[in-house]
Amino acid sequence: MACSHRYREADVGTLTLLPGEIEHQYLAQVLRYLDASSPNPVVKDPWVIDLHSKIEFNFDEGTHVDKAWVEWLAHRVRLFDEWTQKFIDEYAQKKEAITVLRLCPGLDSKDLRLSYGKSVRWIDVDCPQIIDLRRSLLPPPAGADYQQIKAEVLTQEWLDSVPNDRPTLILAEHVFPFLPQAPAQDFIRRLASHFPSGHIYMLVTGALVARAMKIMPITKDTKFGIQWPIDNPKQITALNPRLRTLEALTDADLNSSGYLGGKKPPWFGGLTAVTSIIPGGQTMQGYMRFAFDDYSQSIRSSKASSTRSLRSSFSRSFRTANGSSTRSIASNSTTSSSTIS
């Protein structure tokens, strides 16, 4: 889907944004708008409706958005909203202050949709152009401890400036698949080490989609692609011993549970139905929750120690048994020899 863009000068000013960045931002928000403005929206979001009224886009003639994409994205947004609200509520019940660190939120209005109080420090981090765009189009959450940081997300300086005095929820819904693999992996290591404890919630995209994005109807005419495909949560937990998996879901899991309404997004048009039998077809899109803390590290150390102990014990038992067998065989051989002689 290709689009050209006209900004209303009074609302946005003169911002310089790369076409790929704008396409990525709007591709998500136009689908969100179609859900929010429908008679029975999956996610009630008056802010995305207001956003749509402030920014104008021209679509190519004949452009059609499949309703399945609209419903799929809306349910995905609802899933992350529910996960985030649950984390906030659990700490509110314990009367413990937390930080919510949202990476590259784009034009998403989660900070406005959810319910939280002053005990939540909410920080959004995105590139300067997107933060300026957000400030022009979206209001800050009223009465909240809300901050915005203009930075390229992979740089170290901004992370050093974020207080590490609270349990922290890191939201990365639209981040890691679009980052170069090695820097992104190092970034996750640093995130899991910077804060005392917390969770990381992320959207991931599998290798099959990464290879096929150039031919998929929804993305073939856009300028962004998947740089780091992730099919297994072990690709994340292997990066830092403080990380452990809490939950790893796929579209197939959500469909089988009825969460997505039983509809599969048409990743490959008419061929989508057969992708489940293709290697990687079950992990095209993933929704993962990880915990990070010293407890995770101690669990790993304990498991590693138990494994080493088990291996050592098995090895000693094997050597002992093997030695006994050898002596027994040798003894039998000697006895037999003496008898023969």
C-alpha atoms as a PDB file:
ATOM      1  CA  MET A   1       0.000   0.000   0.000  1.00  0.00           C
ATOM      2  CA  ALA A   2       1.584   3.262  -1.107  1.00  0.00           C
ATOM      3  CA  CYS A   3       0.440   6.670   0.029  1.00  0.00           C
ATOM      4  CA  SER A   4       1.341  10.310  -0.366  1.00  0.00           C
ATOM      5  CA  HIS A   5       0.921  12.742   2.492  1.00  0.00           C
ATOM      6  CA  ARG A   6      -0.409  16.264   3.058  1.00  0.00           C
ATOM      7  CA  TYR A   7       0.000  17.797   6.510  1.00  0.00           C
ATOM      8  CA  ARG A   8      -2.116  20.666   7.697  1.00  0.00           C
ATOM      9  CA  GLU A   9       0.509  23.285   8.475  1.00  0.00           C
ATOM     10  CA  ALA A  10      -1.289  24.728  11.520  1.00  0.00           C
ATOM     11  CA  ASP A  11      -1.436  21.351  13.228  1.00  0.00           C
ATOM     12  CA  VAL A  12       1.937  19.869  12.408  1.00  0.00           C
ATOM     13  CA  GLY A  13       4.279  22.618  11.339  1.00  0.00           C
ATOM     14  CA  THR A  14       7.198  21.826   9.064  1.00  0.00           C
ATOM     15  CA  LEU A  15       8.545  18.413  10.019  1.00  0.00           C
ATOM     16  CA  THR A  16      11.028  16.419   8.001  1.00  0.00           C
ATOM     17  CA  LEU A  17      10.246  12.712   8.110  1.00  0.00           C
ATOM     18  CA  LEU A  18      11.529   9.915   5.945  1.00  0.00           C
ATOM     19  CA  PRO A  19       8.809   8.335   3.776  1.00  0.00           C
ATOM     20  CA  GLY A  20       9.356   4.950   5.397  1.00  0.00           C
ATOM     21  CA  GLU A  21       8.853   6.399   8.881  1.00  0.00           C
ATOM     22  CA  ILE A  22       5.614   8.100   7.911  1.00  0.00           C
ATOM     23  CA  GLU A  23       4.327   5.043   6.088  1.00  0.00           C
ATOM     24  CA  HIS A  24       5.041   2.890   9.141  1.00  0.00           C
ATOM     25  CA  GLN A  25       3.308   5.337  11.485  1.00  0.00           C
ATOM     26  CA  TYR A  26       0.239   5.771   9.369  1.00  0.00           C
ATOM     27  CA  LEU A  27      -0.103   2.183   8.248  1.00  0.00           C
ATOM     28  CA  ALA A  28      -0.781   1.243  11.875  1.00  0.00           C
ATOM     29  CA  GLN A  29      -2.912   4.269  12.719  1.00  0.00           C
ATOM     30  CA  VAL A  30      -5.217   4.071   9.701  1.00  0.00           C
ATOM     31  CA  LEU A  31      -6.081   0.490  10.662  1.00  0.00           C
ATOM     32  CA  ARG A  32      -6.586   1.622  14.253  1.00  0.00           C
ATOM     33  CA  TYR A  33      -8.860   4.418  13.054  1.00  0.00           C
ATOM     34  CA  LEU A  34     -10.976   1.994  11.034  1.00  0.00           C
ATOM     35  CA  ASP A  35     -11.534  -0.089  14.178  1.00  0.00           C
ATOM     36  CA  ALA A  36     -12.120   2.845  16.547  1.00  0.00           C
ATOM     37  CA  SER A  37     -14.658   4.451  14.214  1.00  0.00           C
ATOM     38  CA  SER A  38     -16.579   1.223  13.641  1.00  0.00           C
ATOM     39  CA  PRO A  39     -19.937   0.557  15.384  1.00  0.00           C
ATOM     40  CA  ASN A  40     -18.390  -2.056  17.716  1.00  0.00           C
ATOM     41  CA  PRO A  41     -14.685  -1.263  18.123  1.00  0.00           C
ATOM     42  CA  VAL A  42     -12.328  -3.820  19.652  1.00  0.00           C
ATOM     43  CA  VAL A  43     -10.429  -0.945  21.318  1.00  0.00           C
ATOM     44  CA  LYS A  44     -12.203   2.289  22.199  1.00  0.00           C
ATOM     45  CA  ASP A  45      -9.793   5.011  21.120  1.00  0.00           C
ATOM     46  CA  PRO A  46     -11.191   8.528  20.615  1.00  0.00           C
ATOM     47  CA  TRP A  47      -7.634   9.852  20.316  1.00  0.00           C
ATOM     48  CA  VAL A  48      -6.912   7.975  17.091  1.00  0.00           C
ATOM     49  CA  ILE A  49     -10.191   9.344  15.654  1.00  0.00           C
ATOM     50  CA  ASP A  50      -9.095  12.870  16.571  1.00  0.00           C
ATOM     51  CA  LEU A  51      -5.653  12.134  15.123  1.00  0.00           C
ATOM     52  CA  HIS A  52      -7.214  11.086  11.844  1.00  0.00           C
ATOM     53  CA  SER A  53      -9.039  14.418  11.626  1.00  0.00           C
ATOM     54  CA  LYS A  54      -5.783  16.364  12.009  1.00  0.00           C
ATOM     55  CA  ILE A  55      -3.634  14.666   9.423  1.00  0.00           C
ATOM     56  CA  GLU A  56      -4.476  14.022   5.781  1.00  0.00           C
ATOM     57  CA  PHE A  57      -3.269  11.229   3.557  1.00  0.00           C
ATOM     58  CA  ASN A  58      -3.916  10.452  -0.074  1.00  0.00           C
ATOM     59  CA  PHE A  59      -4.134   6.767  -0.915  1.00  0.00           C
ATOM     60  CA  ASP A  60      -3.518   5.370  -4.352  1.00  0.00           C
ATOM     61  CA  GLU A  61      -6.707   4.876  -6.333  1.00  0.00           C
ATOM     62  CA  GLY A  62      -8.120   1.431  -5.716  1.00  0.00           C
ATOM     63  CA  THR A  63      -6.349   0.918  -2.383  1.00  0.00           C
ATOM     64  CA  HIS A  64      -8.320  -1.562  -0.268  1.00  0.00           C
ATOM     65  CA  VAL A  65      -7.710  -2.494   3.364  1.00  0.00           C
ATOM     66  CA  ASP A  66      -8.860  -6.003   4.229  1.00  0.00           C
ATOM     67  CA  LYS A  67     -11.098  -5.999   7.311  1.00  0.00           C
ATOM     68  CA  ALA A  68      -9.137  -8.960   8.672  1.00  0.00           C
ATOM     69  CA  TRP A  69      -6.091  -6.678   9.044  1.00  0.00           C
ATOM     70  CA  VAL A  70      -8.157  -4.137  10.952  1.00  0.00           C
ATOM     71  CA  GLU A  71      -9.465  -6.740  13.402  1.00  0.00           C
ATOM     72  CA  TRP A  72      -6.088  -8.455  13.785  1.00  0.00           C
ATOM     73  CA  LEU A  73      -4.284  -5.225  14.671  1.00  0.00           C
ATOM     74  CA  ALA A  74      -7.056  -4.114  17.033  1.00  0.00           C
ATOM     75  CA  HIS A  75      -6.928  -7.400  18.945  1.00  0.00           C
ATOM     76  CA  ARG A  76      -3.150  -7.172  19.093  1.00  0.00           C
ATOM     77  CA  VAL A  77      -3.411  -3.683  20.572  1.00  0.00           C
ATOM     78  CA  ARG A  78      -6.000  -4.911  23.068  1.00  0.00           C
ATOM     79  CA  LEU A  79      -3.712  -7.769  24.145  1.00  0.00           C
ATOM     80  CA  PHE A  80      -0.834  -5.393  24.965  1.00  0.00           C
ATOM     81  CA  ASP A  81      -3.245  -2.982  26.665  1.00  0.00           C
ATOM     82  CA  GLU A  82      -4.514  -5.788  28.891  1.00  0.00           C
ATOM     83  CA  TRP A  83      -1.009  -7.017  29.725  1.00  0.00           C
ATOM     84  CA  THR A  84       0.119  -3.474  30.556  1.00  0.00           C
ATOM     85  CA  GLN A  85      -2.924  -2.648  32.675  1.00  0.00           C
ATOM     86  CA  LYS A  86      -2.482  -5.899  34.609  1.00  0.00           C
ATOM     87  CA  PHE A  87       1.154  -5.038  35.417  1.00  0.00           C
ATOM     88  CA  ILE A  88       0.143  -1.534  36.554  1.00  0.00           C
ATOM     89  CA  ASP A  89      -2.743  -2.840  38.690  1.00  0.00           C
ATOM     90  CA  GLU A  90      -0.649  -5.520  40.398  1.00  0.00           C
ATOM     91  CA  TYR A  91       1.848  -2.945  41.661  1.00  0.00           C
ATOM     92  CA  ALA A  92      -0.913  -0.478  42.537  1.00  0.00           C
ATOM     93  CA  GLN A  93      -2.427  -3.109  44.836  1.00  0.00           C
ATOM     94  CA  LYS A  94       0.961  -3.433  46.552  1.00  0.00           C
ATOM     95  CA  LYS A  95       1.202   0.374  46.688  1.00  0.00           C
ATOM     96  CA  GLU A  96       4.577   0.175  44.961  1.00  0.00           C
ATOM     97  CA  ALA A  97       5.745   2.813  42.482  1.00  0.00           C
ATOM     98  CA  ILE A  98       6.819   1.657  39.037  1.00  0.00           C
ATOM     99  CA  THR A  99       8.181   2.949  35.744  1.00  0.00           C
ATOM    100  CA  VAL A 100       6.613   2.237  32.358  1.00  0.00           C
ATOM    101  CA  LEU A 101       9.207   2.687  29.626  1.00  0.00           C
ATOM    102  CA  ARG A 102       7.674   2.658  26.156  1.00  0.00           C
ATOM    103  CA  LEU A 103      10.086   2.297  23.252  1.00  0.00           C
ATOM    104  CA  CYS A 104       9.219   3.879  19.919  1.00  0.00           C
ATOM    105  CA  PRO A 105       5.489   4.439  20.577  1.00  0.00           C
ATOM    106  CA  GLY A 106       4.981   6.323  17.337  1.00  0.00           C
ATOM    107  CA  LEU A 107       1.464   7.773  17.405  1.00  0.00           C
ATOM    108  CA  ASP A 108      -0.066   5.133  19.672  1.00  0.00           C
ATOM    109  CA  SER A 109      -2.289   6.471  22.474  1.00  0.00           C
ATOM    110  CA  LYS A 110      -1.806   3.744  25.086  1.00  0.00           C
ATOM    111  CA  ASP A 111      -0.677   6.350  27.645  1.00  0.00           C
ATOM    112  CA  LEU A 112      -4.112   7.980  27.210  1.00  0.00           C
ATOM    113  CA  ARG A 113      -6.215   4.807  27.040  1.00  0.00           C
ATOM    114  CA  LEU A 114      -5.024   3.099  30.237  1.00  0.00           C
ATOM    115  CA  SER A 115      -5.785   3.886  33.869  1.00  0.00           C
ATOM    116  CA  TYR A 116      -2.939   4.747  36.253  1.00  0.00           C
ATOM    117  CA  GLY A 117      -2.001   7.253  38.908  1.00  0.00           C
ATOM    118  CA  LYS A 118       0.962   9.273  40.144  1.00  0.00           C
ATOM    119  CA  SER A 119       2.752   6.134  41.331  1.00  0.00           C
ATOM    120  CA  VAL A 120       3.451   5.343  37.664  1.00  0.00           C
ATOM    121  CA  ARG A 121       6.317   7.150  35.982  1.00  0.00           C
ATOM    122  CA  TRP A 122       5.565   6.862  32.250  1.00  0.00           C
ATOM    123  CA  ILE A 123       8.423   7.536  29.829  1.00  0.00           C
ATOM    124  CA  ASP A 124       8.163   7.495  26.034  1.00  0.00           C
ATOM    125  CA  VAL A 125      11.351   7.252  23.969  1.00  0.00           C
ATOM    126  CA  ASP A 126      11.349   7.895  20.234  1.00  0.00           C
ATOM    127  CA  CYS A 127      13.352   9.722  17.581  1.00  0.00           C
ATOM    128  CA  PRO A 128      13.090  13.551  17.681  1.00  0.00           C
ATOM    129  CA  GLN A 129      10.894  13.770  14.569  1.00  0.00           C
ATOM    130  CA  ILE A 130       8.301  11.360  15.955  1.00  0.00           C
ATOM    131  CA  ILE A 131       8.245  13.021  19.389  1.00  0.00           C
ATOM    132  CA  ASP A 132       7.625  16.362  17.655  1.00  0.00           C
ATOM    133  CA  LEU A 133       4.850  14.738  15.638  1.00  0.00           C
ATOM    134  CA  ARG A 134       3.281  13.296  18.806  1.00  0.00           C
ATOM    135  CA  ARG A 135       3.379  16.681  20.531  1.00  0.00           C
ATOM    136  CA  SER A 136       1.653  18.276  17.561  1.00  0.00           C
ATOM    137  CA  LEU A 137      -1.103  15.696  17.312  1.00  0.00           C
ATOM    138  CA  LEU A 138      -1.664  14.042  20.707  1.00  0.00           C
ATOM    139  CA  PRO A 139      -2.187  15.589  24.172  1.00  0.00           C
ATOM    140  CA  PRO A 140      -0.141  14.435  27.179  1.00  0.00           C
ATOM    141  CA  PRO A 141      -2.021  12.294  29.736  1.00  0.00           C
ATOM    142  CA  ALA A 142      -3.711  14.648  32.215  1.00  0.00           C
ATOM    143  CA  GLY A 143      -2.246  14.713  35.718  1.00  0.00           C
ATOM    144  CA  ALA A 144       0.241  11.929  35.025  1.00  0.00           C
ATOM    145  CA  ASP A 145       3.972  11.675  35.696  1.00  0.00           C
ATOM    146  CA  TYR A 146       4.679  11.594  31.979  1.00  0.00           C
ATOM    147  CA  GLN A 147       7.960  12.277  30.175  1.00  0.00           C
ATOM    148  CA  GLN A 148       9.177  12.149  26.597  1.00  0.00           C
ATOM    149  CA  ILE A 149      12.770  11.546  25.553  1.00  0.00           C
ATOM    150  CA  LYS A 150      14.000  12.470  22.096  1.00  0.00           C
ATOM    151  CA  ALA A 151      16.650   9.924  21.180  1.00  0.00           C
ATOM    152  CA  GLU A 152      17.632   7.206  18.783  1.00  0.00           C
ATOM    153  CA  VAL A 153      16.556   4.171  20.751  1.00  0.00           C
ATOM    154  CA  LEU A 154      19.814   2.201  20.412  1.00  0.00           C
ATOM    155  CA  THR A 155      22.014   4.908  21.928  1.00  0.00           C
ATOM    156  CA  GLN A 156      23.285   4.542  25.494  1.00  0.00           C
ATOM    157  CA  GLU A 157      23.052   8.139  26.720  1.00  0.00           C
ATOM    158  CA  TRP A 158      19.272   8.302  27.106  1.00  0.00           C
ATOM    159  CA  LEU A 159      19.140   4.983  28.994  1.00  0.00           C
ATOM    160  CA  ASP A 160      21.758   6.234  31.439  1.00  0.00           C
ATOM    161  CA  SER A 161      19.455   9.189  32.178  1.00  0.00           C
ATOM    162  CA  VAL A 162      16.456   7.003  33.084  1.00  0.00           C
ATOM    163  CA  PRO A 163      16.172   6.357  36.845  1.00  0.00           C
ATOM    164  CA  ASN A 164      16.636   2.715  37.818  1.00  0.00           C
ATOM    165  CA  ASP A 165      14.994   3.004  41.235  1.00  0.00           C
ATOM    166  CA  ARG A 166      11.747   1.118  40.499  1.00  0.00           C
ATOM    167  CA  PRO A 167      10.423  -2.078  38.964  1.00  0.00           C
ATOM    168  CA  THR A 168      10.031  -1.268  35.288  1.00  0.00           C
ATOM    169  CA  LEU A 169       7.747  -2.414  32.512  1.00  0.00           C
ATOM    170  CA  ILE A 170       9.397  -2.076  29.106  1.00  0.00           C
ATOM    171  CA  LEU A 171       6.967  -1.923  26.196  1.00  0.00           C
ATOM    172  CA  ALA A 172       8.431  -2.754  22.805  1.00  0.00           C
ATOM    173  CA  GLU A 173       5.446  -3.389  20.553  1.00  0.00           C
ATOM    174  CA  HIS A 174       6.895  -2.080  17.302  1.00  0.00           C
ATOM    175  CA  VAL A 175      10.630  -2.122  17.897  1.00  0.00           C
ATOM    176  CA  PHE A 176      12.923  -5.139  17.761  1.00  0.00           C
ATOM    177  CA  PRO A 177      11.945  -6.656  14.380  1.00  0.00           C
ATOM    178  CA  PHE A 178      12.886  -3.366  12.703  1.00  0.00           C
ATOM    179  CA  LEU A 179      16.298  -2.955  14.371  1.00  0.00           C
ATOM    180  CA  PRO A 180      19.591  -4.448  13.175  1.00  0.00           C
ATOM    181  CA  GLN A 181      20.064  -7.748  14.990  1.00  0.00           C
ATOM    182  CA  ALA A 182      23.403  -7.306  16.774  1.00  0.00           C
ATOM    183  CA  PRO A 183      22.717  -3.778  18.144  1.00  0.00           C
ATOM    184  CA  ALA A 184      19.192  -4.838  19.156  1.00  0.00           C
ATOM    185  CA  GLN A 185      20.513  -7.844  21.042  1.00  0.00           C
ATOM    186  CA  ASP A 186      23.013  -5.660  22.886  1.00  0.00           C
ATOM    187  CA  PHE A 187      20.204  -3.211  23.675  1.00  0.00           C
ATOM    188  CA  ILE A 188      18.118  -5.946  25.321  1.00  0.00           C
ATOM    189  CA  ARG A 189      21.123  -6.983  27.405  1.00  0.00           C
ATOM    190  CA  ARG A 190      21.507  -3.410  28.618  1.00  0.00           C
ATOM    191  CA  LEU A 191      17.806  -2.989  29.356  1.00  0.00           C
ATOM    192  CA  ALA A 192      17.670  -6.171  31.442  1.00  0.00           C
ATOM    193  CA  SER A 193      20.738  -5.071  33.418  1.00  0.00           C
ATOM    194  CA  HIS A 194      19.809  -1.404  33.941  1.00  0.00           C
ATOM    195  CA  PHE A 195      16.673  -1.829  36.045  1.00  0.00           C
ATOM    196  CA  PRO A 196      16.359  -3.762  39.331  1.00  0.00           C
ATOM    197  CA  SER A 197      13.465  -5.903  38.062  1.00  0.00           C
ATOM    198  CA  GLY A 198      10.502  -5.809  35.746  1.00  0.00           C
ATOM    199  CA  HIS A 199       8.968  -7.157  32.572  1.00  0.00           C
ATOM    200  CA  ILE A 200       9.564  -6.721  28.843  1.00  0.00           C
ATOM    201  CA  TYR A 201       6.582  -7.102  26.506  1.00  0.00           C
ATOM    202  CA  MET A 202       7.375  -7.313  22.834  1.00  0.00           C
ATOM    203  CA  LEU A 203       5.914  -8.014  19.449  1.00  0.00           C
ATOM    204  CA  VAL A 204       8.150 -10.190  17.267  1.00  0.00           C
ATOM    205  CA  THR A 205       8.019 -11.253  13.633  1.00  0.00           C
ATOM    206  CA  GLY A 206       9.240 -14.590  12.342  1.00  0.00           C
ATOM    207  CA  ALA A 207      11.703 -15.418   9.598  1.00  0.00           C
ATOM    208  CA  LEU A 208       9.030 -16.455   7.117  1.00  0.00           C
ATOM    209  CA  VAL A 209       7.428 -13.005   7.153  1.00  0.00           C
ATOM    210  CA  ALA A 210      10.827 -11.312   7.043  1.00  0.00           C
ATOM    211  CA  ARG A 211      11.660 -13.141   3.816  1.00  0.00           C
ATOM    212  CA  ALA A 212       8.268 -12.545   2.265  1.00  0.00           C
ATOM    213  CA  MET A 213       7.564  -8.891   3.110  1.00  0.00           C
ATOM    214  CA  LYS A 214       8.571  -7.754  -0.364  1.00  0.00           C
ATOM    215  CA  ILE A 215       5.727  -9.722  -1.916  1.00  0.00           C
ATOM    216  CA  MET A 216       3.051  -9.471   0.794  1.00  0.00           C
ATOM    217  CA  PRO A 217       0.124  -7.271  -0.322  1.00  0.00           C
ATOM    218  CA  ILE A 218       0.066  -5.205   2.873  1.00  0.00           C
ATOM    219  CA  THR A 219       3.779  -4.281   2.801  1.00  0.00           C
ATOM    220  CA  LYS A 220       5.185  -4.780  -0.688  1.00  0.00           C
ATOM    221  CA  ASP A 221       4.987  -1.076  -1.608  1.00  0.00           C
ATOM    222  CA  THR A 222       6.322   0.305   1.690  1.00  0.00           C
ATOM    223  CA  LYS A 223       9.927   1.121   2.560  1.00  0.00           C
ATOM    224  CA  PHE A 224      10.335  -0.799   5.816  1.00  0.00           C
ATOM    225  CA  GLY A 225      11.287  -4.407   6.427  1.00  0.00           C
ATOM    226  CA  ILE A 226      12.180  -6.908   9.131  1.00  0.00           C
ATOM    227  CA  GLN A 227      15.852  -6.835  10.107  1.00  0.00           C
ATOM    228  CA  TRP A 228      15.759  -9.224  13.059  1.00  0.00           C
ATOM    229  CA  PRO A 229      13.326 -12.155  12.715  1.00  0.00           C
ATOM    230  CA  ILE A 230      12.464 -13.919  15.990  1.00  0.00           C
ATOM    231  CA  ASP A 231      10.676 -17.265  16.099  1.00  0.00           C
ATOM    232  CA  ASN A 232      11.579 -18.558  19.564  1.00  0.00           C
ATOM    233  CA  PRO A 233      11.647 -16.853  23.002  1.00  0.00           C
ATOM    234  CA  LYS A 234      15.003 -18.538  23.666  1.00  0.00           C
ATOM    235  CA  GLN A 235      16.479 -16.038  21.198  1.00  0.00           C
ATOM    236  CA  ILE A 236      15.695 -13.415  23.850  1.00  0.00           C
ATOM    237  CA  THR A 237      16.388 -15.253  27.135  1.00  0.00           C
ATOM    238  CA  ALA A 238      19.795 -16.320  25.822  1.00  0.00           C
ATOM    239  CA  LEU A 239      20.870 -12.665  25.792  1.00  0.00           C
ATOM    240  CA  ASN A 240      20.931 -12.093  29.561  1.00  0.00           C
ATOM    241  CA  PRO A 241      20.795 -14.570  32.487  1.00  0.00           C
ATOM    242  CA  ARG A 242      18.375 -12.212  34.278  1.00  0.00           C
ATOM    243  CA  LEU A 243      15.720 -12.891  31.630  1.00  0.00           C
ATOM    244  CA  ARG A 244      13.090 -15.629  31.748  1.00  0.00           C
ATOM    245  CA  THR A 245      10.030 -16.285  29.604  1.00  0.00           C
ATOM    246  CA  LEU A 246       6.610 -15.620  31.110  1.00  0.00           C
ATOM    247  CA  GLU A 247       4.513 -16.167  28.008  1.00  0.00           C
ATOM    248  CA  ALA A 248       5.042 -16.639  24.289  1.00  0.00           C
ATOM    249  CA  LEU A 249       1.991 -16.606  22.030  1.00  0.00           C
ATOM    250  CA  THR A 250       1.507 -16.716  18.279  1.00  0.00           C
ATOM    251  CA  ASP A 251      -1.373 -15.755  16.022  1.00  0.00           C
ATOM    252  CA  ALA A 252      -2.203 -19.456  15.899  1.00  0.00           C
ATOM    253  CA  ASP A 253      -2.499 -19.544  19.702  1.00  0.00           C
ATOM    254  CA  LEU A 254      -4.723 -16.478  19.753  1.00  0.00           C
ATOM    255  CA  ASN A 255      -6.863 -17.780  16.916  1.00  0.00           C
ATOM    256  CA  SER A 256      -7.378 -21.175  18.561  1.00  0.00           C
ATOM    257  CA  SER A 257      -8.453 -19.446  21.783  1.00  0.00           C
ATOM    258  CA  GLY A 258     -10.910 -17.252  19.874  1.00  0.00           C
ATOM    259  CA  TYR A 259      -9.052 -14.086  20.875  1.00  0.00           C
ATOM    260  CA  LEU A 260      -8.658 -12.878  17.292  1.00  0.00           C
ATOM    261  CA  GLY A 261     -12.185 -13.804  16.393  1.00  0.00           C
ATOM    262  CA  GLY A 262     -10.985 -16.896  14.557  1.00  0.00           C
ATOM    263  CA  LYS A 263      -9.702 -14.836  11.630  1.00  0.00           C
ATOM    264  CA  LYS A 264      -6.158 -15.065  10.341  1.00  0.00           C
ATOM    265  CA  PRO A 265      -4.670 -11.881   8.847  1.00  0.00           C
ATOM    266  CA  PRO A 266      -4.086 -12.348   5.101  1.00  0.00           C
ATOM    267  CA  TRP A 267      -0.289 -12.234   5.211  1.00  0.00           C
ATOM    268  CA  PHE A 268       0.008 -13.979   1.839  1.00  0.00           C
ATOM    269  CA  GLY A 269      -3.355 -13.175   0.281  1.00  0.00           C
ATOM    270  CA  GLY A 270      -5.147 -16.290  -0.926  1.00  0.00           C
ATOM    271  CA  LEU A 271      -2.217 -18.514   0.067  1.00  0.00           C
ATOM    272  CA  THR A 272      -2.396 -17.593   3.747  1.00  0.00           C
ATOM    273  CA  ALA A 273      -4.471 -20.652   4.644  1.00  0.00           C
ATOM    274  CA  VAL A 274      -1.664 -23.065   3.682  1.00  0.00           C
ATOM    275  CA  THR A 275       1.127 -21.297   5.583  1.00  0.00           C
ATOM    276  CA  SER A 276       0.509 -23.395   8.706  1.00  0.00           C
ATOM    277  CA  ILE A 277       2.162 -26.377   6.992  1.00  0.00           C
ATOM    278  CA  ILE A 278       5.216 -24.357   5.903  1.00  0.00           C
ATOM    279  CA  PRO A 279       8.278 -24.240   8.223  1.00  0.00           C
ATOM    280  CA  GLY A 280       7.946 -21.004  10.182  1.00  0.00           C
ATOM    281  CA  GLY A 281       4.269 -20.653   9.321  1.00  0.00           C
ATOM    282  CA  GLN A 282       3.182 -21.053  12.950  1.00  0.00           C
ATOM    283  CA  THR A 283       5.495 -18.315  14.242  1.00  0.00           C
ATOM    284  CA  MET A 284       4.943 -15.552  11.691  1.00  0.00           C
ATOM    285  CA  GLN A 285       3.898 -13.151  14.447  1.00  0.00           C
ATOM    286  CA  GLY A 286       4.639 -13.537  18.156  1.00  0.00           C
ATOM    287  CA  TYR A 287       3.604 -11.834  21.378  1.00  0.00           C
ATOM    288  CA  MET A 288       6.100 -12.391  24.183  1.00  0.00           C
ATOM    289  CA  ARG A 289       6.380 -11.453  27.852  1.00  0.00           C
ATOM    290  CA  PHE A 290       9.653 -11.758  29.755  1.00  0.00           C
ATOM    291  CA  ALA A 291      10.606 -11.096  33.359  1.00  0.00           C
ATOM    292  CA  PHE A 292      14.018  -9.835  34.343  1.00  0.00           C
ATOM    293  CA  ASP A 293      15.444  -9.884  37.870  1.00  0.00           C
ATOM    294  CA  ASP A 294      18.079 -11.539  40.032  1.00  0.00           C
ATOM    295  CA  TYR A 295      15.632 -14.355  40.782  1.00  0.00           C
ATOM    296  CA  SER A 296      15.707 -15.353  37.117  1.00  0.00           C
ATOM    297  CA  GLN A 297      19.489 -15.479  37.257  1.00  0.00           C
ATOM    298  CA  SER A 298      19.442 -17.562  40.450  1.00  0.00           C
ATOM    299  CA  ILE A 299      17.004 -20.011  38.841  1.00  0.00           C
ATOM    300  CA  ARG A 300      19.327 -20.405  35.882  1.00  0.00           C
ATOM    301  CA  SER A 301      22.354 -20.821  38.144  1.00  0.00           C
ATOM    302  CA  SER A 302      20.502 -23.406  40.215  1.00  0.00           C
ATOM    303  CA  LYS A 303      19.400 -25.310  37.116  1.00  0.00           C
ATOM    304  CA  ALA A 304      22.910 -25.176  35.682  1.00  0.00           C
ATOM    305  CA  SER A 305      24.357 -26.383  38.998  1.00  0.00           C
ATOM    306  CA  SER A 306      21.794 -29.195  39.209  1.00  0.00           C
ATOM    307  CA  THR A 307      22.549 -30.199  35.623  1.00  0.00           C
ATOM    308  CA  ARG A 308      26.300 -30.222  36.287  1.00  0.00           C
ATOM    309  CA  SER A 309      25.745 -32.206  39.506  1.00  0.00           C
ATOM    310  CA  LEU A 310      23.508 -34.694  37.699  1.00  0.00           C
ATOM    311  CA  ARG A 311      26.024 -35.086  34.892  1.00  0.00           C
ATOM    312  CA  SER A 312      28.864 -35.488  37.386  1.00  0.00           C
ATOM    313  CA  SER A 313      26.892 -38.038  39.389  1.00  0.00           C
ATOM    314  CA  PHE A 314      25.968 -39.932  36.251  1.00  0.00           C
ATOM    315  CA  SER A 315      29.568 -39.829  35.094  1.00  0.00           C
ATOM    316  CA  ARG A 316      30.856 -41.200  38.428  1.00  0.00           C
ATOM    317  CA  SER A 317      28.184 -43.900  38.438  1.00  0.00           C
ATOM    318  CA  PHE A 318      29.027 -44.815  34.890  1.00  0.00           C
ATOM    319  CA  ARG A 319      32.757 -44.970  35.625  1.00  0.00           C
ATOM    320  CA  THR A 320      32.134 -47.060  38.744  1.00  0.00           C
ATOM    321  CA  ALA A 321      29.764 -49.387  36.952  1.00  0.00           C
ATOM    322  CA  ASN A 322      32.083 -49.582  33.980  1.00  0.00           C
ATOM    323  CA  GLY A 323      35.049 -50.294  36.228  1.00  0.00           C
ATOM    324  CA  SER A 324      33.151 -53.042  38.051  1.00  0.00           C
ATOM    325  CA  SER A 325      32.120 -54.569  34.769  1.00  0.00           C
ATOM    326  CA  THR A 326      35.700 -54.458  33.539  1.00  0.00           C
ATOM    327  CA  ARG A 327      36.992 -56.081  36.718  1.00  0.00           C
ATOM    328  CA  SER A 328      34.229 -58.663  36.530  1.00  0.00           C
ATOM    329  CA  ILE A 329      35.015 -59.417  32.921  1.00  0.00           C
ATOM    330  CA  ALA A 330      38.731 -59.603  33.719  1.00  0.00           C
ATOM    331  CA  SER A 331      38.031 -61.896  36.667  1.00  0.00           C
ATOM    332  CA  ASN A 332      35.821 -64.141  34.583  1.00  0.00           C
ATOM    333  CA  SER A 333      38.462 -64.253  31.888  1.00  0.00           C
ATOM    334  CA  THR A 334      41.121 -65.253  34.419  1.00  0.00           C
ATOM    335  CA  THR A 335      38.894 -67.910  35.931  1.00  0.00           C
ATOM    336  CA  SER A 336      38.042 -69.303  32.571  1.00  0.00           C
ATOM    337  CA  SER A 337      41.693 -69.354  31.589  1.00  0.00           C
ATOM    338  CA  SER A 338      42.701 -71.195  34.742  1.00  0.00           C
ATOM    339  CA  THR A 339      39.962 -73.703  34.256  1.00  0.00           C
ATOM    340  CA  ILE A 340      40.988 -74.375  30.696  1.00  0.00           C
ATOM    341  CA  SER A 341      44.595 -74.729  31.600  1.00  0.00           C
END
